[in-house]
PDB file of N, CA and C in Angstrom:
ATOM      1  N   UNK A   1       7.351  24.318   3.000  1.00  0.00           N
ATOM      2  CA  UNK A   1       7.934  22.957   2.949  1.00  0.00           C
ATOM      3  C   UNK A   1       7.097  22.107   2.330  1.00  0.00           C
ATOM      4  N   UNK A   2       7.601  20.946   1.394  1.00  0.00           N
ATOM      5  CA  UNK A   2       6.989  19.986   0.499  1.00  0.00           C
ATOM      6  C   UNK A   2       7.251  18.231   1.141  1.00  0.00           C
ATOM      7  N   UNK A   3       5.942  17.628   0.959  1.00  0.00           N
ATOM      8  CA  UNK A   3       6.041  16.052   1.163  1.00  0.00           C
ATOM      9  C   UNK A   3       5.829  15.601   0.173  1.00  0.00           C
ATOM     10  N   UNK A   4       6.193  14.511  -0.100  1.00  0.00           N
ATOM     11  CA  UNK A   4       5.543  13.474  -0.677  1.00  0.00           C
ATOM     12  C   UNK A   4       5.098  12.936  -0.084  1.00  0.00           C
ATOM     13  N   UNK A   5       2.982  12.247  -0.583  1.00  0.00           N
ATOM     14  CA  UNK A   5       2.142  11.666  -0.097  1.00  0.00           C
ATOM     15  C   UNK A   5       2.088  10.125  -0.476  1.00  0.00           C
ATOM     16  N   UNK A   6       2.549   9.202  -0.352  1.00  0.00           N
ATOM     17  CA  UNK A   6       2.590   8.095  -1.214  1.00  0.00           C
ATOM     18  C   UNK A   6       0.953   6.966  -0.839  1.00  0.00           C
ATOM     19  N   UNK A   7       0.186   7.201  -1.632  1.00  0.00           N
ATOM     20  CA  UNK A   7      -1.313   6.537  -0.801  1.00  0.00           C
ATOM     21  C   UNK A   7      -1.459   4.584  -1.196  1.00  0.00           C
ATOM     22  N   UNK A   8      -1.694   4.021  -1.094  1.00  0.00           N
ATOM     23  CA  UNK A   8      -1.300   2.717  -0.476  1.00  0.00           C
ATOM     24  C   UNK A   8      -2.172   2.206  -0.789  1.00  0.00           C
ATOM     25  N   UNK A   9      -3.437   2.597   0.142  1.00  0.00           N
ATOM     26  CA  UNK A   9      -4.956   2.200   0.093  1.00  0.00           C
ATOM     27  C   UNK A   9      -5.582   1.460  -0.726  1.00  0.00           C
ATOM     28  N   UNK A  10      -6.664   2.692  -1.461  1.00  0.00           N
ATOM     29  CA  UNK A  10      -7.712   2.162  -2.914  1.00  0.00           C
ATOM     30  C   UNK A  10      -6.788   2.504  -4.300  1.00  0.00           C
ATOM     31  N   UNK A  11      -6.624   3.985  -4.388  1.00  0.00           N
ATOM     32  CA  UNK A  11      -5.832   3.717  -6.091  1.00  0.00           C
ATOM     33  C   UNK A  11      -4.337   4.338  -5.715  1.00  0.00           C
ATOM     34  N   UNK A  12      -2.984   3.631  -5.719  1.00  0.00           N
ATOM     35  CA  UNK A  12      -1.833   4.117  -5.628  1.00  0.00           C
ATOM     36  C   UNK A  12      -1.143   5.380  -6.251  1.00  0.00           C
ATOM     37  N   UNK A  13      -0.873   5.974  -5.958  1.00  0.00           N
ATOM     38  CA  UNK A  13      -0.704   7.621  -6.004  1.00  0.00           C
ATOM     39  C   UNK A  13       0.425   8.620  -5.314  1.00  0.00           C
ATOM     40  N   UNK A  14       1.090   9.382  -5.781  1.00  0.00           N
ATOM     41  CA  UNK A  14       1.840  10.116  -5.529  1.00  0.00           C
ATOM     42  C   UNK A  14       1.384  11.389  -5.270  1.00  0.00           C
ATOM     43  N   UNK A  15       1.848  12.218  -4.181  1.00  0.00           N
ATOM     44  CA  UNK A  15       0.585  14.028  -4.194  1.00  0.00           C
ATOM     45  C   UNK A  15       1.772  14.654  -3.173  1.00  0.00           C
ATOM     46  N   UNK A  16       2.036  15.291  -4.049  1.00  0.00           N
ATOM     47  CA  UNK A  16       2.971  16.677  -3.501  1.00  0.00           C
ATOM     48  C   UNK A  16       2.085  17.451  -2.463  1.00  0.00           C
ATOM     49  N   UNK A  17       2.033  17.316  -0.969  1.00  0.00           N
ATOM     50  CA  UNK A  17       1.361  18.396  -0.437  1.00  0.00           C
ATOM     51  C   UNK A  17       2.380  19.098   0.654  1.00  0.00           C
ATOM     52  N   UNK A  18       2.380  21.023   0.850  1.00  0.00           N
ATOM     53  CA  UNK A  18       2.658  21.319   1.491  1.00  0.00           C
ATOM     54  C   UNK A  18       2.239  21.034   2.805  1.00  0.00           C
ATOM     55  N   UNK A  19       3.454  21.391   3.812  1.00  0.00           N
ATOM     56  CA  UNK A  19       3.796  21.037   5.120  1.00  0.00           C
ATOM     57  C   UNK A  19       4.051  22.035   5.849  1.00  0.00           C
ATOM     58  N   UNK A  20       2.922  22.409   6.905  1.00  0.00           N
ATOM     59  CA  UNK A  20       3.379  23.642   7.671  1.00  0.00           C
ATOM     60  C   UNK A  20       4.313  23.362   8.768  1.00  0.00           C
ATOM     61  N   UNK A  21       3.734  21.865   9.499  1.00  0.00           N
ATOM     62  CA  UNK A  21       5.089  22.366  10.622  1.00  0.00           C
ATOM     63  C   UNK A  21       5.173  20.176  10.282  1.00  0.00           C
ATOM     64  N   UNK A  22       6.359  19.873  11.398  1.00  0.00           N
ATOM     65  CA  UNK A  22       6.459  18.342  11.264  1.00  0.00           C
ATOM     66  C   UNK A  22       7.117  17.966  12.246  1.00  0.00           C
ATOM     67  N   UNK A  23       6.313  17.228  13.084  1.00  0.00           N
ATOM     68  CA  UNK A  23       7.319  16.154  14.318  1.00  0.00           C
ATOM     69  C   UNK A  23       7.502  14.482  14.266  1.00  0.00           C
ATOM     70  N   UNK A  24       8.004  13.726  14.855  1.00  0.00           N
ATOM     71  CA  UNK A  24       8.360  12.905  14.578  1.00  0.00           C
ATOM     72  C   UNK A  24       7.457  11.660  13.592  1.00  0.00           C
ATOM     73  N   UNK A  25       6.261  12.180  14.744  1.00  0.00           N
ATOM     74  CA  UNK A  25       5.291  11.120  14.468  1.00  0.00           C
ATOM     75  C   UNK A  25       4.124  11.518  13.390  1.00  0.00           C
ATOM     76  N   UNK A  26       3.949  13.457  13.443  1.00  0.00           N
ATOM     77  CA  UNK A  26       2.781  13.887  12.886  1.00  0.00           C
ATOM     78  C   UNK A  26       3.346  14.603  11.775  1.00  0.00           C
ATOM     79  N   UNK A  27       2.673  14.569  10.643  1.00  0.00           N
ATOM     80  CA  UNK A  27       2.720  16.174   9.928  1.00  0.00           C
ATOM     81  C   UNK A  27       1.793  16.951  10.280  1.00  0.00           C
ATOM     82  N   UNK A  28       2.160  18.588   9.928  1.00  0.00           N
ATOM     83  CA  UNK A  28       0.560  19.855   9.794  1.00  0.00           C
ATOM     84  C   UNK A  28       0.693  20.333   8.436  1.00  0.00           C
ATOM     85  N   UNK A  29      -0.894  19.990   7.393  1.00  0.00           N
ATOM     86  CA  UNK A  29      -0.612  20.493   6.288  1.00  0.00           C
ATOM     87  C   UNK A  29      -0.810  21.734   6.611  1.00  0.00           C
ATOM     88  N   UNK A  30      -0.868  22.383   5.521  1.00  0.00           N
ATOM     89  CA  UNK A  30      -1.181  24.164   5.350  1.00  0.00           C
ATOM     90  C   UNK A  30      -2.164  24.764   5.697  1.00  0.00           C
ATOM     91  N   UNK A  31      -3.209  23.647   5.834  1.00  0.00           N
ATOM     92  CA  UNK A  31      -4.482  24.090   6.027  1.00  0.00           C
ATOM     93  C   UNK A  31      -4.850  23.120   7.665  1.00  0.00           C
ATOM     94  N   UNK A  32      -3.865  23.536   7.758  1.00  0.00           N
ATOM     95  CA  UNK A  32      -4.038  22.932   9.481  1.00  0.00           C
ATOM     96  C   UNK A  32      -4.336  21.420  10.111  1.00  0.00           C
ATOM     97  N   UNK A  33      -4.622  21.088   9.011  1.00  0.00           N
ATOM     98  CA  UNK A  33      -4.965  19.175   9.314  1.00  0.00           C
ATOM     99  C   UNK A  33      -3.814  18.818   9.585  1.00  0.00           C
ATOM    100  N   UNK A  34      -3.651  18.022  11.123  1.00  0.00           N
ATOM    101  CA  UNK A  34      -2.753  16.854  11.489  1.00  0.00           C
ATOM    102  C   UNK A  34      -2.977  15.891  10.621  1.00  0.00           C
ATOM    103  N   UNK A  35      -2.223  15.037  10.207  1.00  0.00           N
ATOM    104  CA  UNK A  35      -1.949  13.650  10.146  1.00  0.00           C
ATOM    105  C   UNK A  35      -0.910  12.725  10.444  1.00  0.00           C
ATOM    106  N   UNK A  36      -0.830  11.450  10.538  1.00  0.00           N
ATOM    107  CA  UNK A  36       0.290  10.874  10.477  1.00  0.00           C
ATOM    108  C   UNK A  36       0.844  10.558   9.379  1.00  0.00           C
ATOM    109  N   UNK A  37       2.664  10.877  10.226  1.00  0.00           N
ATOM    110  CA  UNK A  37       3.582  10.357   9.134  1.00  0.00           C
ATOM    111  C   UNK A  37       2.959   9.247   8.158  1.00  0.00           C
ATOM    112  N   UNK A  38       3.122   8.257   8.754  1.00  0.00           N
ATOM    113  CA  UNK A  38       2.968   6.735   7.872  1.00  0.00           C
ATOM    114  C   UNK A  38       1.754   5.814   8.719  1.00  0.00           C
ATOM    115  N   UNK A  39       0.321   5.377   7.796  1.00  0.00           N
ATOM    116  CA  UNK A  39      -0.450   4.343   8.282  1.00  0.00           C
ATOM    117  C   UNK A  39      -0.704   3.798   7.706  1.00  0.00           C
ATOM    118  N   UNK A  40      -2.055   3.022   7.759  1.00  0.00           N
ATOM    119  CA  UNK A  40      -2.070   1.946   6.208  1.00  0.00           C
ATOM    120  C   UNK A  40      -2.690   2.599   5.130  1.00  0.00           C
ATOM    121  N   UNK A  41      -2.911   4.025   5.123  1.00  0.00           N
ATOM    122  CA  UNK A  41      -3.512   4.529   4.093  1.00  0.00           C
ATOM    123  C   UNK A  41      -2.243   5.375   3.041  1.00  0.00           C
ATOM    124  N   UNK A  42      -1.128   5.798   4.066  1.00  0.00           N
ATOM    125  CA  UNK A  42      -0.302   6.883   3.151  1.00  0.00           C
ATOM    126  C   UNK A  42       0.916   6.805   4.143  1.00  0.00           C
ATOM    127  N   UNK A  43       2.153   7.144   3.260  1.00  0.00           N
ATOM    128  CA  UNK A  43       3.041   6.940   4.187  1.00  0.00           C
ATOM    129  C   UNK A  43       3.731   8.615   3.548  1.00  0.00           C
ATOM    130  N   UNK A  44       4.096   9.413   4.134  1.00  0.00           N
ATOM    131  CA  UNK A  44       4.983  10.743   3.529  1.00  0.00           C
ATOM    132  C   UNK A  44       6.324  10.468   3.461  1.00  0.00           C
ATOM    133  N   UNK A  45       6.972  11.366   2.584  1.00  0.00           N
ATOM    134  CA  UNK A  45       8.617  11.126   2.254  1.00  0.00           C
ATOM    135  C   UNK A  45       9.362  12.830   1.778  1.00  0.00           C
ATOM    136  N   UNK A  46      10.032  12.745   1.762  1.00  0.00           N
ATOM    137  CA  UNK A  46      10.710  14.206   1.673  1.00  0.00           C
ATOM    138  C   UNK A  46      10.474  14.003  -0.002  1.00  0.00           C
ATOM    139  N   UNK A  47      11.456  12.463  -0.455  1.00  0.00           N
ATOM    140  CA  UNK A  47      11.295  13.171  -2.625  1.00  0.00           C
ATOM    141  C   UNK A  47      10.778  12.376  -2.979  1.00  0.00           C
ATOM    142  N   UNK A  48       9.980  12.452  -4.083  1.00  0.00           N
ATOM    143  CA  UNK A  48       8.976  11.680  -5.075  1.00  0.00           C
ATOM    144  C   UNK A  48       9.683  10.494  -5.196  1.00  0.00           C
ATOM    145  N   UNK A  49      10.977  10.088  -5.442  1.00  0.00           N
ATOM    146  CA  UNK A  49      11.765   9.226  -6.401  1.00  0.00           C
ATOM    147  C   UNK A  49      11.574   8.265  -4.102  1.00  0.00           C
ATOM    148  N   UNK A  50      11.555   8.353  -3.242  1.00  0.00           N
ATOM    149  CA  UNK A  50      11.199   7.858  -2.460  1.00  0.00           C
ATOM    150  C   UNK A  50      10.121   7.460  -2.083  1.00  0.00           C
ATOM    151  N   UNK A  51       8.890   7.660  -2.390  1.00  0.00           N
ATOM    152  CA  UNK A  51       7.733   7.756  -2.153  1.00  0.00           C
ATOM    153  C   UNK A  51       7.364   6.948  -3.387  1.00  0.00           C
ATOM    154  N   UNK A  52       8.422   6.939  -4.730  1.00  0.00           N
ATOM    155  CA  UNK A  52       7.769   5.927  -5.880  1.00  0.00           C
ATOM    156  C   UNK A  52       8.151   4.935  -5.426  1.00  0.00           C
ATOM    157  N   UNK A  53       9.629   4.478  -5.144  1.00  0.00           N
ATOM    158  CA  UNK A  53      10.238   3.440  -4.354  1.00  0.00           C
ATOM    159  C   UNK A  53       9.641   2.142  -3.509  1.00  0.00           C
ATOM    160  N   UNK A  54       8.656   3.216  -2.556  1.00  0.00           N
ATOM    161  CA  UNK A  54       7.828   2.558  -1.750  1.00  0.00           C
ATOM    162  C   UNK A  54       6.465   2.013  -2.017  1.00  0.00           C
ATOM    163  N   UNK A  55       6.075   2.962  -3.418  1.00  0.00           N
ATOM    164  CA  UNK A  55       4.687   2.297  -4.160  1.00  0.00           C
ATOM    165  C   UNK A  55       5.347   1.006  -4.815  1.00  0.00           C
ATOM    166  N   UNK A  56       6.322   1.266  -5.110  1.00  0.00           N
ATOM    167  CA  UNK A  56       7.042  -0.392  -6.462  1.00  0.00           C
ATOM    168  C   UNK A  56       6.993  -1.422  -5.472  1.00  0.00           C
ATOM    169  N   UNK A  57       7.801  -1.510  -3.680  1.00  0.00           N
ATOM    170  CA  UNK A  57       7.913  -2.402  -2.709  1.00  0.00           C
ATOM    171  C   UNK A  57       6.434  -2.752  -2.472  1.00  0.00           C
ATOM    172  N   UNK A  58       5.289  -2.004  -2.148  1.00  0.00           N
ATOM    173  CA  UNK A  58       4.361  -2.470  -1.674  1.00  0.00           C
ATOM    174  C   UNK A  58       3.737  -3.383  -3.002  1.00  0.00           C
ATOM    175  N   UNK A  59       3.118  -2.526  -4.152  1.00  0.00           N
ATOM    176  CA  UNK A  59       2.962  -3.276  -5.721  1.00  0.00           C
ATOM    177  C   UNK A  59       3.338  -4.783  -5.550  1.00  0.00           C
ATOM    178  N   UNK A  60       4.782  -4.815  -5.182  1.00  0.00           N
ATOM    179  CA  UNK A  60       5.300  -6.265  -5.682  1.00  0.00           C
ATOM    180  C   UNK A  60       4.936  -6.713  -4.245  1.00  0.00           C
ATOM    181  N   UNK A  61       5.146  -6.445  -3.554  1.00  0.00           N
ATOM    182  CA  UNK A  61       4.480  -7.605  -2.478  1.00  0.00           C
ATOM    183  C   UNK A  61       3.045  -7.773  -2.206  1.00  0.00           C
ATOM    184  N   UNK A  62       1.928  -7.008  -2.872  1.00  0.00           N
ATOM    185  CA  UNK A  62       0.817  -7.253  -3.369  1.00  0.00           C
ATOM    186  C   UNK A  62       0.488  -8.296  -4.397  1.00  0.00           C
ATOM    187  N   UNK A  63       1.741  -8.555  -5.184  1.00  0.00           N
ATOM    188  CA  UNK A  63       1.766  -9.321  -6.574  1.00  0.00           C
ATOM    189  C   UNK A  63       1.862 -10.775  -5.876  1.00  0.00           C
ATOM    190  N   UNK A  64       2.912 -10.760  -5.492  1.00  0.00           N
ATOM    191  CA  UNK A  64       3.293 -11.667  -4.767  1.00  0.00           C
ATOM    192  C   UNK A  64       2.457 -12.412  -3.825  1.00  0.00           C
ATOM    193  N   UNK A  65       2.075 -11.753  -2.939  1.00  0.00           N
ATOM    194  CA  UNK A  65       0.413 -12.464  -2.035  1.00  0.00           C
ATOM    195  C   UNK A  65      -0.393 -13.244  -3.200  1.00  0.00           C
ATOM    196  N   UNK A  66      -0.908 -12.716  -4.483  1.00  0.00           N
ATOM    197  CA  UNK A  66      -1.943 -12.757  -5.126  1.00  0.00           C
ATOM    198  C   UNK A  66      -1.780 -13.748  -5.388  1.00  0.00           C
ATOM    199  N   UNK A  67      -0.269 -13.736  -6.497  1.00  0.00           N
ATOM    200  CA  UNK A  67       0.079 -15.718  -6.967  1.00  0.00           C
ATOM    201  C   UNK A  67      -0.024 -16.146  -5.347  1.00  0.00           C
ATOM    202  N   UNK A  68       0.530 -16.503  -4.467  1.00  0.00           N
ATOM    203  CA  UNK A  68       0.374 -17.076  -3.568  1.00  0.00           C
ATOM    204  C   UNK A  68      -1.243 -18.124  -3.416  1.00  0.00           C
ATOM    205  N   UNK A  69      -1.717 -16.727  -3.726  1.00  0.00           N
ATOM    206  CA  UNK A  69      -3.507 -16.682  -2.675  1.00  0.00           C
ATOM    207  C   UNK A  69      -4.559 -17.722  -4.331  1.00  0.00           C
ATOM    208  N   UNK A  70      -3.814 -17.289  -5.559  1.00  0.00           N
ATOM    209  CA  UNK A  70      -3.703 -17.744  -6.831  1.00  0.00           C
ATOM    210  C   UNK A  70      -3.417 -19.223  -6.896  1.00  0.00           C
ATOM    211  N   UNK A  71      -2.239 -19.649  -6.217  1.00  0.00           N
ATOM    212  CA  UNK A  71      -1.314 -21.396  -5.973  1.00  0.00           C
ATOM    213  C   UNK A  71      -2.589 -22.020  -5.537  1.00  0.00           C
ATOM    214  N   UNK A  72      -2.920 -21.502  -4.557  1.00  0.00           N
ATOM    215  CA  UNK A  72      -3.757 -22.296  -2.971  1.00  0.00           C
ATOM    216  C   UNK A  72      -5.193 -22.665  -3.672  1.00  0.00           C
ATOM    217  N   UNK A  73      -5.966 -21.509  -4.486  1.00  0.00           N
ATOM    218  CA  UNK A  73      -7.226 -21.708  -4.857  1.00  0.00           C
ATOM    219  C   UNK A  73      -7.028 -22.841  -5.883  1.00  0.00           C
ATOM    220  N   UNK A  74      -6.118 -22.917  -6.743  1.00  0.00           N
ATOM    221  CA  UNK A  74      -5.826 -23.537  -8.304  1.00  0.00           C
ATOM    222  C   UNK A  74      -5.610 -24.900  -7.458  1.00  0.00           C
ATOM    223  N   UNK A  75      -4.836 -25.201  -6.025  1.00  0.00           N
ATOM    224  CA  UNK A  75      -4.625 -26.328  -5.493  1.00  0.00           C
ATOM    225  C   UNK A  75      -6.494 -26.984  -5.181  1.00  0.00           C
ATOM    226  N   UNK A  76      -6.966 -26.282  -4.627  1.00  0.00           N
ATOM    227  CA  UNK A  76      -8.390 -26.036  -3.726  1.00  0.00           C
ATOM    228  C   UNK A  76      -9.311 -26.882  -5.582  1.00  0.00           C
ATOM    229  N   UNK A  77      -9.590 -26.305  -6.214  1.00  0.00           N
ATOM    230  CA  UNK A  77      -9.624 -26.366  -7.800  1.00  0.00           C
ATOM    231  C   UNK A  77      -9.628 -28.346  -8.085  1.00  0.00           C
ATOM    232  N   UNK A  78      -7.903 -28.341  -7.864  1.00  0.00           N
ATOM    233  CA  UNK A  78      -8.320 -29.588  -8.551  1.00  0.00           C
ATOM    234  C   UNK A  78      -8.156 -30.579  -7.445  1.00  0.00           C
ATOM    235  N   UNK A  79      -8.361 -30.419  -6.559  1.00  0.00           N
ATOM    236  CA  UNK A  79      -9.343 -31.209  -5.110  1.00  0.00           C
ATOM    237  C   UNK A  79     -10.739 -31.349  -5.488  1.00  0.00           C
ATOM    238  N   UNK A  80     -10.903 -30.815  -5.485  1.00  0.00           N
ATOM    239  CA  UNK A  80     -12.224 -30.658  -5.246  1.00  0.00           C
ATOM    240  C   UNK A  80     -13.059 -31.479  -6.728  1.00  0.00           C
ATOM    241  N   UNK A  81     -12.241 -30.989  -8.030  1.00  0.00           N
ATOM    242  CA  UNK A  81     -12.237 -32.295  -9.044  1.00  0.00           C
ATOM    243  C   UNK A  81     -11.944 -33.141  -9.325  1.00  0.00           C
ATOM    244  N   UNK A  82     -11.226 -33.786  -8.534  1.00  0.00           N
ATOM    245  CA  UNK A  82     -10.894 -35.010  -8.207  1.00  0.00           C
ATOM    246  C   UNK A  82     -11.864 -35.666  -7.609  1.00  0.00           C
ATOM    247  N   UNK A  83     -12.762 -35.222  -6.656  1.00  0.00           N
ATOM    248  CA  UNK A  83     -13.468 -36.161  -5.508  1.00  0.00           C
ATOM    249  C   UNK A  83     -14.136 -36.982  -6.055  1.00  0.00           C
ATOM    250  N   UNK A  84     -14.399 -37.859  -5.987  1.00  0.00           N
ATOM    251  CA  UNK A  84     -15.693 -38.731  -6.257  1.00  0.00           C
ATOM    252  C   UNK A  84     -16.556 -39.473  -5.524  1.00  0.00           C
ATOM    253  N   UNK A  85     -17.436 -39.835  -5.919  1.00  0.00           N
ATOM    254  CA  UNK A  85     -19.216 -40.057  -5.160  1.00  0.00           C
ATOM    255  C   UNK A  85     -18.766 -41.533  -3.872  1.00  0.00           C
ATOM    256  N   UNK A  86     -18.681 -41.210  -2.852  1.00  0.00           N
ATOM    257  CA  UNK A  86     -19.245 -41.509  -2.046  1.00  0.00           C
ATOM    258  C   UNK A  86     -19.851 -43.093  -2.301  1.00  0.00           C
ATOM    259  N   UNK A  87     -19.359 -44.322  -1.989  1.00  0.00           N
ATOM    260  CA  UNK A  87     -20.373 -45.294  -2.489  1.00  0.00           C
ATOM    261  C   UNK A  87     -21.224 -45.802  -1.375  1.00  0.00           C
TER     262      UNK A  87
END
């Protein structure tokens, strides 16, 4: 059986992984290594399309967050530019 592992931490990507056994919360890979089905680094899916949709959603959330941080820092920059030396 195969699953698709969507990696989200350092470089986003999808890898096809052969699975020996599956439980509700874990998978056992063909090399007998156990992994959580979902954690902050990756999530396993039954299809490539599900994994791809998940990665697109994560990327969109990261873009929204980055835009909000940029807006905040631009406001901070303008506040600093507008500072006057006290008399």
